[in-house]
Amino acid sequence: MSGADASSAFHAAQRAAGVIAAKHRGDLDGAHALLAAFPDEQTRTRGFQLLAELALTLVKDATGQSMDELIRELSLHLAAATLPDEPSTGS
């Protein structure tokens, strides 16, 4: 990745972090505005990918888990979040 590409990727990751921060503050208009400010889908995707990699690295460093362990755990949480709730048996 060239210097210009790296700079562009890091600016995109900063904007992606801003989207998440605005959303968590309850500023949905700000989050939408930041999303709309990405010049194209490829830049948006690259920004969120870099942000995810950096965040996972921080968690890995803090927990001592390997990246594979972290990704496996994250995958299990994502799978559980997408599964429909099991019906209650009433017992």
Protein backbone atom coordinates (compact mmCIF):
# COMPACT_ATOMS: atom_id res chain seq x y z
CA MET A 1 0.00 0.00 0.00
CA SER A 2 1.47 3.35 -0.99
CA GLY A 3 1.69 6.27 1.42
CA ALA A 4 -1.31 7.95 -0.18
CA ASP A 5 -3.33 4.72 -0.03
CA ALA A 6 -2.41 4.21 3.63
CA SER A 7 -3.36 7.79 4.47
CA SER A 8 -6.67 7.39 2.67
CA ALA A 9 -7.36 4.11 4.50
CA PHE A 10 -6.61 5.63 7.90
CA HIS A 11 -8.80 8.67 7.17
CA ALA A 12 -11.59 6.27 6.16
CA ALA A 13 -11.10 4.29 9.40
CA GLN A 14 -11.30 7.53 11.41
CA ARG A 15 -14.54 8.42 9.63
CA ALA A 16 -15.87 4.90 10.32
CA ALA A 17 -15.04 5.35 14.01
CA GLY A 18 -16.90 8.65 13.89
CA VAL A 19 -19.97 6.91 12.46
CA ILE A 20 -19.96 4.42 15.34
CA ALA A 21 -19.34 7.14 17.95
CA ALA A 22 -22.18 9.28 16.59
CA LYS A 23 -24.53 6.29 16.59
CA HIS A 24 -23.68 5.46 20.20
CA ARG A 25 -24.27 9.10 21.21
CA GLY A 26 -27.70 8.81 19.64
CA ASP A 27 -26.75 11.22 16.85
CA LEU A 28 -28.23 9.26 13.96
CA ASP A 29 -28.26 12.30 11.66
CA GLY A 30 -24.52 12.76 12.29
CA ALA A 31 -23.87 9.07 11.66
CA HIS A 32 -25.79 9.22 8.38
CA ALA A 33 -23.93 12.37 7.36
CA LEU A 34 -20.57 10.74 8.04
CA LEU A 35 -21.61 7.64 6.08
CA ALA A 36 -22.66 9.83 3.17
CA ALA A 37 -19.29 11.64 3.29
CA PHE A 38 -17.40 8.54 2.12
CA PRO A 39 -16.46 9.13 -1.51
CA ASP A 40 -17.43 5.61 -2.60
CA GLU A 41 -18.37 2.14 -1.35
CA GLN A 42 -14.82 0.79 -1.70
CA THR A 43 -13.41 3.50 0.58
CA ARG A 44 -16.21 2.93 3.11
CA THR A 45 -15.56 -0.81 3.12
CA ARG A 46 -11.81 -0.33 3.47
CA GLY A 47 -12.34 2.11 6.35
CA PHE A 48 -14.61 -0.20 8.31
CA GLN A 49 -12.31 -3.17 7.61
CA LEU A 50 -9.27 -1.31 8.94
CA LEU A 51 -11.25 -0.10 11.95
CA ALA A 52 -12.36 -3.67 12.72
CA GLU A 53 -8.80 -4.98 12.41
CA LEU A 54 -7.46 -2.26 14.72
CA ALA A 55 -10.23 -2.85 17.27
CA LEU A 56 -9.65 -6.61 17.24
CA THR A 57 -5.93 -6.05 17.70
CA LEU A 58 -6.64 -3.90 20.76
CA VAL A 59 -8.87 -6.63 22.21
CA LYS A 60 -6.29 -9.30 21.38
CA ASP A 61 -3.56 -7.34 23.12
CA ALA A 62 -5.76 -6.67 26.16
CA THR A 63 -6.98 -10.26 26.55
CA GLY A 64 -3.92 -12.23 25.43
CA GLN A 65 -6.08 -14.29 23.06
CA SER A 66 -4.83 -15.17 19.62
CA MET A 67 -6.54 -13.51 16.68
CA ASP A 68 -7.92 -16.93 15.68
CA GLU A 69 -9.46 -17.38 19.13
CA LEU A 70 -10.95 -13.91 19.02
CA ILE A 71 -12.42 -14.39 15.55
CA ARG A 72 -13.86 -17.77 16.56
CA GLU A 73 -15.49 -16.19 19.65
CA LEU A 74 -16.78 -13.27 17.61
CA SER A 75 -18.20 -15.65 15.00
CA LEU A 76 -20.05 -17.58 17.71
CA HIS A 77 -21.53 -14.34 19.08
CA LEU A 78 -22.59 -13.26 15.60
CA ALA A 79 -24.18 -16.65 14.92
CA ALA A 80 -26.03 -16.55 18.23
CA ALA A 81 -27.28 -13.04 17.50
CA THR A 82 -28.73 -14.10 14.15
CA LEU A 83 -30.45 -17.27 15.36
CA PRO A 84 -34.14 -16.91 16.15
CA ASP A 85 -35.06 -17.21 19.82
CA GLU A 86 -36.09 -20.72 20.75
CA PRO A 87 -39.74 -21.02 21.65
CA SER A 88 -40.40 -21.33 25.34
CA THR A 89 -41.50 -24.79 26.49
CA GLY A 90 -43.48 -23.32 29.34
CA SER A 91 -41.79 -25.47 31.99
